[in-house]
Amino acid sequence: MDTAEIRTKIEQKKVRLEAYKSRELEMLTGGVQSYGIGSRNVQRYSTDLKAVQDMIKSLEAEISALEKLLNGKSPMITYRFVPGDN
């Protein structure tokens, strides 16, 4: 992947990140759907707040890794080992 591709991916992810942050703010400041039938009322979000917040964290991590790659540093790779009895 060359520098131009990395920059393009970073910009695309930043646009998505801003959209998710806007959605999160909307949800936290009144983006609730309300339904009422008779004396019963139901309120819910049209999307799951937790899913939006998880995507924000994921996009921030991806942007950080791409920026490190752009600056010549290798992105941190994490391995998970699970010991087993055989």
C-alpha atoms as a PDB file:
ATOM      1  CA  MET A   1       0.000   0.000   0.000  1.00  0.00           C
ATOM      2  CA  ASP A   2       1.505   3.328  -1.025  1.00  0.00           C
ATOM      3  CA  THR A   3       1.291   6.687   0.747  1.00  0.00           C
ATOM      4  CA  ALA A   4      -1.567   8.017  -1.404  1.00  0.00           C
ATOM      5  CA  GLU A   5      -3.705   4.952  -0.664  1.00  0.00           C
ATOM      6  CA  ILE A   6      -3.029   5.254   3.057  1.00  0.00           C
ATOM      7  CA  ARG A   7      -3.969   8.954   3.055  1.00  0.00           C
ATOM      8  CA  THR A   8      -7.181   8.171   1.147  1.00  0.00           C
ATOM      9  CA  LYS A   9      -8.140   5.448   3.620  1.00  0.00           C
ATOM     10  CA  ILE A  10      -7.417   7.750   6.560  1.00  0.00           C
ATOM     11  CA  GLU A  11      -9.639  10.476   5.102  1.00  0.00           C
ATOM     12  CA  GLN A  12     -12.459   8.031   4.375  1.00  0.00           C
ATOM     13  CA  LYS A  13     -12.313   6.631   7.909  1.00  0.00           C
ATOM     14  CA  LYS A  14     -12.273  10.140   9.384  1.00  0.00           C
ATOM     15  CA  VAL A  15     -15.444  10.999   7.462  1.00  0.00           C
ATOM     16  CA  ARG A  16     -17.112   7.823   8.772  1.00  0.00           C
ATOM     17  CA  LEU A  17     -15.860   8.588  12.293  1.00  0.00           C
ATOM     18  CA  GLU A  18     -17.414  12.055  12.214  1.00  0.00           C
ATOM     19  CA  ALA A  19     -20.708  10.573  11.007  1.00  0.00           C
ATOM     20  CA  TYR A  20     -20.717   8.071  13.878  1.00  0.00           C
ATOM     21  CA  LYS A  21     -19.844  10.792  16.399  1.00  0.00           C
ATOM     22  CA  SER A  22     -22.707  12.932  15.070  1.00  0.00           C
ATOM     23  CA  ARG A  23     -25.077   9.975  15.387  1.00  0.00           C
ATOM     24  CA  GLU A  24     -23.891   9.316  18.941  1.00  0.00           C
ATOM     25  CA  LEU A  25     -24.466  12.956  19.903  1.00  0.00           C
ATOM     26  CA  GLU A  26     -27.922  12.873  18.312  1.00  0.00           C
ATOM     27  CA  MET A  27     -28.788   9.726  20.248  1.00  0.00           C
ATOM     28  CA  LEU A  28     -27.543  11.180  23.521  1.00  0.00           C
ATOM     29  CA  THR A  29     -29.433  14.456  23.086  1.00  0.00           C
ATOM     30  CA  GLY A  30     -32.867  13.205  22.182  1.00  0.00           C
ATOM     31  CA  GLY A  31     -32.687  10.902  19.173  1.00  0.00           C
ATOM     32  CA  VAL A  32     -35.271   8.595  20.696  1.00  0.00           C
ATOM     33  CA  GLN A  33     -38.296   7.265  18.875  1.00  0.00           C
ATOM     34  CA  SER A  34     -41.467   7.343  20.919  1.00  0.00           C
ATOM     35  CA  TYR A  35     -44.601   5.307  20.318  1.00  0.00           C
ATOM     36  CA  GLY A  36     -47.809   5.403  22.251  1.00  0.00           C
ATOM     37  CA  ILE A  37     -50.911   3.248  22.166  1.00  0.00           C
ATOM     38  CA  GLY A  38     -53.540   4.177  24.693  1.00  0.00           C
ATOM     39  CA  SER A  39     -51.848   4.510  28.063  1.00  0.00           C
ATOM     40  CA  ARG A  40     -48.726   2.559  27.004  1.00  0.00           C
ATOM     41  CA  ASN A  41     -45.600   4.273  25.710  1.00  0.00           C
ATOM     42  CA  VAL A  42     -42.456   2.770  24.241  1.00  0.00           C
ATOM     43  CA  GLN A  43     -39.214   4.621  23.588  1.00  0.00           C
ATOM     44  CA  ARG A  44     -36.252   3.251  21.680  1.00  0.00           C
ATOM     45  CA  TYR A  45     -33.281   4.275  19.585  1.00  0.00           C
ATOM     46  CA  SER A  46     -33.406   3.502  15.875  1.00  0.00           C
ATOM     47  CA  THR A  47     -29.844   2.173  16.211  1.00  0.00           C
ATOM     48  CA  ASP A  48     -28.072   0.637  19.166  1.00  0.00           C
ATOM     49  CA  LEU A  49     -26.000   3.189  21.106  1.00  0.00           C
ATOM     50  CA  LYS A  50     -23.486   0.518  22.133  1.00  0.00           C
ATOM     51  CA  ALA A  51     -22.928  -0.481  18.496  1.00  0.00           C
ATOM     52  CA  VAL A  52     -22.300   3.152  17.541  1.00  0.00           C
ATOM     53  CA  GLN A  53     -19.830   3.618  20.399  1.00  0.00           C
ATOM     54  CA  ASP A  54     -18.037   0.364  19.509  1.00  0.00           C
ATOM     55  CA  MET A  55     -17.686   1.499  15.895  1.00  0.00           C
ATOM     56  CA  ILE A  56     -16.248   4.830  17.053  1.00  0.00           C
ATOM     57  CA  LYS A  57     -13.567   3.002  19.051  1.00  0.00           C
ATOM     58  CA  SER A  58     -12.851   0.687  16.133  1.00  0.00           C
ATOM     59  CA  LEU A  59     -12.506   3.531  13.629  1.00  0.00           C
ATOM     60  CA  GLU A  60     -10.236   5.484  15.988  1.00  0.00           C
ATOM     61  CA  ALA A  61      -7.977   2.431  16.330  1.00  0.00           C
ATOM     62  CA  GLU A  62      -7.906   1.884  12.549  1.00  0.00           C
ATOM     63  CA  ILE A  63      -7.051   5.546  11.915  1.00  0.00           C
ATOM     64  CA  SER A  64      -4.282   5.401  14.499  1.00  0.00           C
ATOM     65  CA  ALA A  65      -2.804   2.260  12.923  1.00  0.00           C
ATOM     66  CA  LEU A  66      -2.923   3.792   9.430  1.00  0.00           C
ATOM     67  CA  GLU A  67      -1.286   7.008  10.662  1.00  0.00           C
ATOM     68  CA  LYS A  68       1.507   4.973  12.265  1.00  0.00           C
ATOM     69  CA  LEU A  69       1.945   3.101   9.003  1.00  0.00           C
ATOM     70  CA  LEU A  70       2.062   6.425   7.140  1.00  0.00           C
ATOM     71  CA  ASN A  71       4.777   7.696   9.503  1.00  0.00           C
ATOM     72  CA  GLY A  72       6.902   4.610   8.947  1.00  0.00           C
ATOM     73  CA  LYS A  73       6.064   2.879  12.197  1.00  0.00           C
ATOM     74  CA  SER A  74       4.611  -0.576  12.232  1.00  0.00           C
ATOM     75  CA  PRO A  75       1.144  -0.819  13.738  1.00  0.00           C
ATOM     76  CA  MET A  76       0.980  -2.696  17.015  1.00  0.00           C
ATOM     77  CA  ILE A  77      -0.084  -6.292  16.561  1.00  0.00           C
ATOM     78  CA  THR A  78      -1.582  -8.169  19.480  1.00  0.00           C
ATOM     79  CA  TYR A  79      -1.615 -11.931  19.720  1.00  0.00           C
ATOM     80  CA  ARG A  80      -3.778 -13.892  22.090  1.00  0.00           C
ATOM     81  CA  PHE A  81      -2.679 -17.336  23.203  1.00  0.00           C
ATOM     82  CA  VAL A  82      -5.034 -19.769  24.829  1.00  0.00           C
ATOM     83  CA  PRO A  83      -3.325 -22.621  26.638  1.00  0.00           C
ATOM     84  CA  GLY A  84      -4.962 -25.982  26.282  1.00  0.00           C
ATOM     85  CA  ASP A  85      -4.574 -29.420  27.786  1.00  0.00           C
ATOM     86  CA  ASN A  86      -3.844 -32.107  25.262  1.00  0.00           C
END
